[in-house]
């Protein structure tokens, strides 16, 4: 489950430390049940990426309660936070692939952190790379891939360990319609297996094609009846 209760997030302008902090999210409250799917929509600068960062524990709120997968985020140690993150698959807008690793090793990373056997890792990584259409590029490094290929590697890495929570920031932004459809089939299949899913997007055609409840955010506030 993901639960926010009156959550505020503030950023201090590093270039102007004397100025008041900016409220990026203001009084955000919602709940996503285990196995739920939510689209996160809103204009650029509305706070979508900031909300996702709170969900995958990259940021901490100025005030309010956040519960992720049954754990109250404010009450856990650094080690517990690291263990919780291993149960969360994240697709970042900037991909965050490790440049020195091959496509195979980038995708294998979360499974190795979870101490899975190399036999299982090989089976699962090769299968997911086949699904995203990159089975011929196992040994290729990120700088030798196109932006769309890097995005598919990032998605494969996020789902390969079958996370309990999947969080994606514009996961289809660099993909054509056929690739976007194929990857949405993968994400919805993961959801049907019990993974809670939150996907931020500007692509309203995608939202209409794969209907699910929406969290709509504008100027840092969640709109009513979202």
C-alpha atoms as a PDB file:
ATOM      1  CA  UNK A   1       0.000   0.000   0.000  1.00  0.00           C
ATOM      2  CA  UNK A   2       1.022   3.603  -0.618  1.00  0.00           C
ATOM      3  CA  UNK A   3      -0.509   6.217   1.665  1.00  0.00           C
ATOM      4  CA  UNK A   4       0.092   9.959   1.890  1.00  0.00           C
ATOM      5  CA  UNK A   5      -1.561  12.004   4.611  1.00  0.00           C
ATOM      6  CA  UNK A   6      -1.275  15.821   4.445  1.00  0.00           C
ATOM      7  CA  UNK A   7       2.192  15.628   2.879  1.00  0.00           C
ATOM      8  CA  UNK A   8       4.178  18.790   2.171  1.00  0.00           C
ATOM      9  CA  UNK A   9       7.501  18.972   0.338  1.00  0.00           C
ATOM     10  CA  UNK A  10       9.717  22.059   0.351  1.00  0.00           C
ATOM     11  CA  UNK A  11      12.839  22.865  -1.641  1.00  0.00           C
ATOM     12  CA  UNK A  12      15.351  25.481  -0.605  1.00  0.00           C
ATOM     13  CA  UNK A  13      16.837  27.473  -3.482  1.00  0.00           C
ATOM     14  CA  UNK A  14      20.568  26.719  -3.147  1.00  0.00           C
ATOM     15  CA  UNK A  15      21.449  29.861  -5.106  1.00  0.00           C
ATOM     16  CA  UNK A  16      19.402  32.021  -2.719  1.00  0.00           C
ATOM     17  CA  UNK A  17      19.750  30.486   0.747  1.00  0.00           C
ATOM     18  CA  UNK A  18      18.233  33.492   2.480  1.00  0.00           C
ATOM     19  CA  UNK A  19      14.914  33.185   0.699  1.00  0.00           C
ATOM     20  CA  UNK A  20      11.991  31.153   2.088  1.00  0.00           C
ATOM     21  CA  UNK A  21      11.765  27.539   0.937  1.00  0.00           C
ATOM     22  CA  UNK A  22       9.410  26.825  -1.947  1.00  0.00           C
ATOM     23  CA  UNK A  23       6.420  24.558  -1.302  1.00  0.00           C
ATOM     24  CA  UNK A  24       6.557  22.029  -4.140  1.00  0.00           C
ATOM     25  CA  UNK A  25       3.790  19.788  -2.773  1.00  0.00           C
ATOM     26  CA  UNK A  26       1.075  21.091  -0.488  1.00  0.00           C
ATOM     27  CA  UNK A  27      -1.212  18.992   1.667  1.00  0.00           C
ATOM     28  CA  UNK A  28      -1.208  15.912  -0.569  1.00  0.00           C
ATOM     29  CA  UNK A  29      -3.326  12.995   0.655  1.00  0.00           C
ATOM     30  CA  UNK A  30      -4.203   9.763  -1.162  1.00  0.00           C
ATOM     31  CA  UNK A  31      -4.094   6.000  -0.786  1.00  0.00           C
ATOM     32  CA  UNK A  32      -3.280   3.239  -3.271  1.00  0.00           C
ATOM     33  CA  UNK A  33      -4.184  -0.287  -2.142  1.00  0.00           C
ATOM     34  CA  UNK A  34      -1.853  -3.232  -2.600  1.00  0.00           C
ATOM     35  CA  UNK A  35      -1.950  -4.231  -6.250  1.00  0.00           C
ATOM     36  CA  UNK A  36      -3.501  -0.937  -7.347  1.00  0.00           C
ATOM     37  CA  UNK A  37      -2.664   1.016 -10.505  1.00  0.00           C
ATOM     38  CA  UNK A  38      -2.629   4.812 -10.649  1.00  0.00           C
ATOM     39  CA  UNK A  39      -1.800   7.220 -13.425  1.00  0.00           C
ATOM     40  CA  UNK A  40      -0.178  10.428 -12.210  1.00  0.00           C
ATOM     41  CA  UNK A  41      -1.004  13.346 -14.512  1.00  0.00           C
ATOM     42  CA  UNK A  42      -0.647  17.110 -14.557  1.00  0.00           C
ATOM     43  CA  UNK A  43       1.185  19.887 -16.405  1.00  0.00           C
ATOM     44  CA  UNK A  44       4.967  20.246 -16.418  1.00  0.00           C
ATOM     45  CA  UNK A  45       6.172  21.663 -13.108  1.00  0.00           C
ATOM     46  CA  UNK A  46       3.031  20.557 -11.253  1.00  0.00           C
ATOM     47  CA  UNK A  47       4.982  18.314  -8.863  1.00  0.00           C
ATOM     48  CA  UNK A  48       4.654  14.855 -10.440  1.00  0.00           C
ATOM     49  CA  UNK A  49       8.362  13.978 -10.266  1.00  0.00           C
ATOM     50  CA  UNK A  50       8.603  15.333  -6.725  1.00  0.00           C
ATOM     51  CA  UNK A  51       5.701  13.151  -5.621  1.00  0.00           C
ATOM     52  CA  UNK A  52       7.330  10.096  -7.181  1.00  0.00           C
ATOM     53  CA  UNK A  53      10.601  10.872  -5.373  1.00  0.00           C
ATOM     54  CA  UNK A  54       8.733  10.748  -2.074  1.00  0.00           C
ATOM     55  CA  UNK A  55       7.220   7.393  -3.022  1.00  0.00           C
ATOM     56  CA  UNK A  56      10.590   5.812  -3.800  1.00  0.00           C
ATOM     57  CA  UNK A  57      12.219   7.476  -0.788  1.00  0.00           C
ATOM     58  CA  UNK A  58      14.592   9.800  -2.637  1.00  0.00           C
ATOM     59  CA  UNK A  59      13.095  12.786  -0.797  1.00  0.00           C
ATOM     60  CA  UNK A  60      11.632  13.310   2.662  1.00  0.00           C
ATOM     61  CA  UNK A  61       8.574  15.453   3.372  1.00  0.00           C
ATOM     62  CA  UNK A  62       8.633  18.674   5.349  1.00  0.00           C
ATOM     63  CA  UNK A  63       5.578  17.371   7.156  1.00  0.00           C
ATOM     64  CA  UNK A  64       2.890  14.737   6.834  1.00  0.00           C
ATOM     65  CA  UNK A  65       2.763  10.940   6.945  1.00  0.00           C
ATOM     66  CA  UNK A  66       3.986   8.601   4.196  1.00  0.00           C
ATOM     67  CA  UNK A  67       3.474   4.841   4.346  1.00  0.00           C
ATOM     68  CA  UNK A  68       5.113   2.642   1.708  1.00  0.00           C
ATOM     69  CA  UNK A  69       4.421  -1.110   1.537  1.00  0.00           C
ATOM     70  CA  UNK A  70       3.235  -1.149   5.137  1.00  0.00           C
ATOM     71  CA  UNK A  71       6.193   0.844   6.466  1.00  0.00           C
ATOM     72  CA  UNK A  72       5.991   4.380   7.819  1.00  0.00           C
ATOM     73  CA  UNK A  73       8.814   6.059   5.953  1.00  0.00           C
ATOM     74  CA  UNK A  74       9.720   8.555   8.675  1.00  0.00           C
ATOM     75  CA  UNK A  75      10.342   5.853  11.273  1.00  0.00           C
ATOM     76  CA  UNK A  76      12.867   3.621   9.537  1.00  0.00           C
ATOM     77  CA  UNK A  77      16.645   3.497   9.719  1.00  0.00           C
ATOM     78  CA  UNK A  78      18.951   4.052   6.755  1.00  0.00           C
ATOM     79  CA  UNK A  79      19.482   0.286   6.455  1.00  0.00           C
ATOM     80  CA  UNK A  80      15.735  -0.382   6.567  1.00  0.00           C
ATOM     81  CA  UNK A  81      15.222   2.300   3.942  1.00  0.00           C
ATOM     82  CA  UNK A  82      17.777   0.629   1.662  1.00  0.00           C
ATOM     83  CA  UNK A  83      16.055  -2.741   2.103  1.00  0.00           C
ATOM     84  CA  UNK A  84      12.666  -1.188   1.351  1.00  0.00           C
ATOM     85  CA  UNK A  85      14.008   0.384  -1.847  1.00  0.00           C
ATOM     86  CA  UNK A  86      14.963  -3.083  -3.086  1.00  0.00           C
ATOM     87  CA  UNK A  87      11.245  -3.874  -3.193  1.00  0.00           C
ATOM     88  CA  UNK A  88      10.603  -0.847  -5.408  1.00  0.00           C
ATOM     89  CA  UNK A  89      11.304  -0.771  -9.146  1.00  0.00           C
ATOM     90  CA  UNK A  90      11.918   2.746 -10.471  1.00  0.00           C
ATOM     91  CA  UNK A  91      12.102   4.119 -14.013  1.00  0.00           C
ATOM     92  CA  UNK A  92      13.716   7.564 -13.967  1.00  0.00           C
ATOM     93  CA  UNK A  93      13.300  10.226 -16.631  1.00  0.00           C
ATOM     94  CA  UNK A  94      17.081  10.298 -17.110  1.00  0.00           C
ATOM     95  CA  UNK A  95      17.336   6.450 -17.059  1.00  0.00           C
ATOM     96  CA  UNK A  96      20.333   6.361 -14.620  1.00  0.00           C
ATOM     97  CA  UNK A  97      21.973   3.407 -16.292  1.00  0.00           C
ATOM     98  CA  UNK A  98      25.527   2.655 -15.156  1.00  0.00           C
ATOM     99  CA  UNK A  99      27.709   3.601 -18.151  1.00  0.00           C
ATOM    100  CA  UNK A 100      30.475   1.095 -17.426  1.00  0.00           C
ATOM    101  CA  UNK A 101      28.073  -1.869 -17.415  1.00  0.00           C
ATOM    102  CA  UNK A 102      26.557  -3.717 -20.359  1.00  0.00           C
ATOM    103  CA  UNK A 103      22.812  -3.796 -20.944  1.00  0.00           C
ATOM    104  CA  UNK A 104      22.760  -7.277 -19.397  1.00  0.00           C
ATOM    105  CA  UNK A 105      24.612  -6.204 -16.252  1.00  0.00           C
ATOM    106  CA  UNK A 106      22.493  -3.061 -15.825  1.00  0.00           C
ATOM    107  CA  UNK A 107      19.337  -5.169 -15.870  1.00  0.00           C
ATOM    108  CA  UNK A 108      20.885  -7.845 -13.636  1.00  0.00           C
ATOM    109  CA  UNK A 109      21.903  -5.347 -10.956  1.00  0.00           C
ATOM    110  CA  UNK A 110      18.743  -5.428  -8.765  1.00  0.00           C
ATOM    111  CA  UNK A 111      18.716  -9.222  -8.836  1.00  0.00           C
ATOM    112  CA  UNK A 112      22.360  -9.356  -7.763  1.00  0.00           C
ATOM    113  CA  UNK A 113      21.623  -6.934  -4.932  1.00  0.00           C
ATOM    114  CA  UNK A 114      18.890  -9.354  -3.852  1.00  0.00           C
ATOM    115  CA  UNK A 115      21.461 -12.214  -3.938  1.00  0.00           C
ATOM    116  CA  UNK A 116      19.639 -14.252  -6.593  1.00  0.00           C
ATOM    117  CA  UNK A 117      21.551 -17.105  -8.219  1.00  0.00           C
ATOM    118  CA  UNK A 118      23.369 -16.401 -11.471  1.00  0.00           C
ATOM    119  CA  UNK A 119      21.323 -19.151 -13.111  1.00  0.00           C
ATOM    120  CA  UNK A 120      18.089 -17.397 -12.218  1.00  0.00           C
ATOM    121  CA  UNK A 121      19.541 -14.010 -13.129  1.00  0.00           C
ATOM    122  CA  UNK A 122      20.552 -15.257 -16.591  1.00  0.00           C
ATOM    123  CA  UNK A 123      17.113 -16.746 -17.250  1.00  0.00           C
ATOM    124  CA  UNK A 124      15.183 -13.696 -16.078  1.00  0.00           C
ATOM    125  CA  UNK A 125      17.439 -11.043 -17.633  1.00  0.00           C
ATOM    126  CA  UNK A 126      17.580 -12.695 -21.049  1.00  0.00           C
ATOM    127  CA  UNK A 127      13.801 -13.178 -21.018  1.00  0.00           C
ATOM    128  CA  UNK A 128      13.034  -9.553 -20.118  1.00  0.00           C
ATOM    129  CA  UNK A 129      15.518  -8.258 -22.682  1.00  0.00           C
ATOM    130  CA  UNK A 130      13.847 -10.462 -25.282  1.00  0.00           C
ATOM    131  CA  UNK A 131      10.477  -8.995 -24.268  1.00  0.00           C
ATOM    132  CA  UNK A 132      11.682  -5.405 -24.751  1.00  0.00           C
ATOM    133  CA  UNK A 133      13.275  -6.334 -28.087  1.00  0.00           C
ATOM    134  CA  UNK A 134      16.915  -5.973 -27.058  1.00  0.00           C
ATOM    135  CA  UNK A 135      18.035  -9.593 -26.828  1.00  0.00           C
ATOM    136  CA  UNK A 136      20.676  -8.903 -29.474  1.00  0.00           C
ATOM    137  CA  UNK A 137      22.285  -6.146 -27.387  1.00  0.00           C
ATOM    138  CA  UNK A 138      23.120  -7.961 -24.161  1.00  0.00           C
ATOM    139  CA  UNK A 139      26.748  -6.841 -24.159  1.00  0.00           C
ATOM    140  CA  UNK A 140      26.250  -3.309 -25.449  1.00  0.00           C
ATOM    141  CA  UNK A 141      26.950  -0.378 -23.099  1.00  0.00           C
ATOM    142  CA  UNK A 142      24.397   2.435 -22.629  1.00  0.00           C
ATOM    143  CA  UNK A 143      26.385   4.991 -24.665  1.00  0.00           C
ATOM    144  CA  UNK A 144      26.071   2.711 -27.684  1.00  0.00           C
ATOM    145  CA  UNK A 145      22.269   2.611 -27.435  1.00  0.00           C
ATOM    146  CA  UNK A 146      19.673   5.094 -28.657  1.00  0.00           C
ATOM    147  CA  UNK A 147      17.527   7.024 -26.191  1.00  0.00           C
ATOM    148  CA  UNK A 148      14.584   4.681 -26.774  1.00  0.00           C
ATOM    149  CA  UNK A 149      16.787   1.623 -26.269  1.00  0.00           C
ATOM    150  CA  UNK A 150      18.165   3.070 -23.035  1.00  0.00           C
ATOM    151  CA  UNK A 151      14.606   3.663 -21.866  1.00  0.00           C
ATOM    152  CA  UNK A 152      13.697   0.051 -22.559  1.00  0.00           C
ATOM    153  CA  UNK A 153      16.775  -1.109 -20.620  1.00  0.00           C
ATOM    154  CA  UNK A 154      15.733   1.118 -17.698  1.00  0.00           C
ATOM    155  CA  UNK A 155      12.232  -0.391 -17.710  1.00  0.00           C
ATOM    156  CA  UNK A 156      13.629  -3.926 -17.926  1.00  0.00           C
ATOM    157  CA  UNK A 157      15.871  -3.226 -14.927  1.00  0.00           C
ATOM    158  CA  UNK A 158      12.916  -1.880 -12.933  1.00  0.00           C
ATOM    159  CA  UNK A 159      10.673  -4.898 -13.491  1.00  0.00           C
ATOM    160  CA  UNK A 160      13.099  -7.847 -13.714  1.00  0.00           C
ATOM    161  CA  UNK A 161      13.060  -8.582  -9.966  1.00  0.00           C
ATOM    162  CA  UNK A 162       9.227  -8.439  -9.848  1.00  0.00           C
ATOM    163  CA  UNK A 163       9.062  -5.551  -7.367  1.00  0.00           C
ATOM    164  CA  UNK A 164       6.162  -5.073  -4.975  1.00  0.00           C
ATOM    165  CA  UNK A 165       5.949  -1.421  -6.070  1.00  0.00           C
ATOM    166  CA  UNK A 166       6.716  -0.085  -9.555  1.00  0.00           C
ATOM    167  CA  UNK A 167       7.158   3.678 -10.017  1.00  0.00           C
ATOM    168  CA  UNK A 168       7.792   5.207 -13.450  1.00  0.00           C
ATOM    169  CA  UNK A 169       8.372   8.807 -14.548  1.00  0.00           C
ATOM    170  CA  UNK A 170       7.347   9.162 -18.218  1.00  0.00           C
ATOM    171  CA  UNK A 171       8.399   5.570 -19.048  1.00  0.00           C
ATOM    172  CA  UNK A 172       7.252   5.760 -22.676  1.00  0.00           C
ATOM    173  CA  UNK A 173       8.496   9.271 -23.428  1.00  0.00           C
ATOM    174  CA  UNK A 174      11.170   8.213 -25.957  1.00  0.00           C
ATOM    175  CA  UNK A 175       9.258   5.314 -27.485  1.00  0.00           C
ATOM    176  CA  UNK A 176       7.130   5.017 -30.598  1.00  0.00           C
ATOM    177  CA  UNK A 177       3.511   3.883 -30.298  1.00  0.00           C
ATOM    178  CA  UNK A 178       4.256   0.195 -30.892  1.00  0.00           C
ATOM    179  CA  UNK A 179       7.041   0.134 -28.287  1.00  0.00           C
ATOM    180  CA  UNK A 180       4.905   2.070 -25.812  1.00  0.00           C
ATOM    181  CA  UNK A 181       2.059  -0.412 -26.272  1.00  0.00           C
ATOM    182  CA  UNK A 182       4.390  -3.386 -25.783  1.00  0.00           C
ATOM    183  CA  UNK A 183       5.842  -1.930 -22.597  1.00  0.00           C
ATOM    184  CA  UNK A 184       2.405  -1.058 -21.238  1.00  0.00           C
ATOM    185  CA  UNK A 185       1.451  -4.708 -21.731  1.00  0.00           C
ATOM    186  CA  UNK A 186       4.480  -5.615 -19.600  1.00  0.00           C
ATOM    187  CA  UNK A 187       3.554  -3.083 -16.892  1.00  0.00           C
ATOM    188  CA  UNK A 188      -0.110  -4.127 -16.761  1.00  0.00           C
ATOM    189  CA  UNK A 189       0.920  -7.807 -16.618  1.00  0.00           C
ATOM    190  CA  UNK A 190       3.170  -6.984 -13.654  1.00  0.00           C
ATOM    191  CA  UNK A 191       0.217  -5.211 -12.035  1.00  0.00           C
ATOM    192  CA  UNK A 192      -2.047  -8.232 -12.534  1.00  0.00           C
ATOM    193  CA  UNK A 193       0.548 -10.334 -10.694  1.00  0.00           C
ATOM    194  CA  UNK A 194       0.097  -8.079  -7.649  1.00  0.00           C
ATOM    195  CA  UNK A 195       2.596  -5.259  -8.074  1.00  0.00           C
ATOM    196  CA  UNK A 196       1.359  -1.798  -7.110  1.00  0.00           C
ATOM    197  CA  UNK A 197       1.975   0.593 -10.023  1.00  0.00           C
ATOM    198  CA  UNK A 198       2.287   4.396 -10.253  1.00  0.00           C
ATOM    199  CA  UNK A 199       3.059   5.880 -13.676  1.00  0.00           C
ATOM    200  CA  UNK A 200       3.516   9.592 -14.346  1.00  0.00           C
ATOM    201  CA  UNK A 201       2.771  10.623 -17.915  1.00  0.00           C
ATOM    202  CA  UNK A 202       1.786  13.456 -20.234  1.00  0.00           C
ATOM    203  CA  UNK A 203       0.496  10.941 -22.793  1.00  0.00           C
ATOM    204  CA  UNK A 204      -3.276  11.147 -22.410  1.00  0.00           C
ATOM    205  CA  UNK A 205      -3.819   8.767 -25.340  1.00  0.00           C
ATOM    206  CA  UNK A 206      -1.984   6.135 -23.280  1.00  0.00           C
ATOM    207  CA  UNK A 207      -4.149   6.913 -20.242  1.00  0.00           C
ATOM    208  CA  UNK A 208      -7.292   6.462 -22.337  1.00  0.00           C
ATOM    209  CA  UNK A 209      -6.040   3.219 -23.882  1.00  0.00           C
ATOM    210  CA  UNK A 210      -5.211   1.713 -20.462  1.00  0.00           C
ATOM    211  CA  UNK A 211      -7.930   3.088 -18.161  1.00  0.00           C
ATOM    212  CA  UNK A 212      -7.137   3.249 -14.461  1.00  0.00           C
ATOM    213  CA  UNK A 213      -7.798   5.759 -11.640  1.00  0.00           C
ATOM    214  CA  UNK A 214      -5.842   9.001 -11.897  1.00  0.00           C
ATOM    215  CA  UNK A 215      -4.003  11.154  -9.404  1.00  0.00           C
ATOM    216  CA  UNK A 216      -4.157  14.613 -10.983  1.00  0.00           C
ATOM    217  CA  UNK A 217      -1.800  17.219  -9.624  1.00  0.00           C
ATOM    218  CA  UNK A 218      -1.615  20.915 -10.336  1.00  0.00           C
ATOM    219  CA  UNK A 219       0.583  23.580  -8.707  1.00  0.00           C
ATOM    220  CA  UNK A 220       1.624  21.110  -6.010  1.00  0.00           C
ATOM    221  CA  UNK A 221      -1.896  20.148  -4.965  1.00  0.00           C
ATOM    222  CA  UNK A 222      -3.836  17.006  -5.697  1.00  0.00           C
ATOM    223  CA  UNK A 223      -7.057  17.914  -7.453  1.00  0.00           C
ATOM    224  CA  UNK A 224     -10.294  16.767  -5.784  1.00  0.00           C
ATOM    225  CA  UNK A 225     -12.038  13.659  -7.087  1.00  0.00           C
ATOM    226  CA  UNK A 226      -8.797  12.559  -8.746  1.00  0.00           C
END
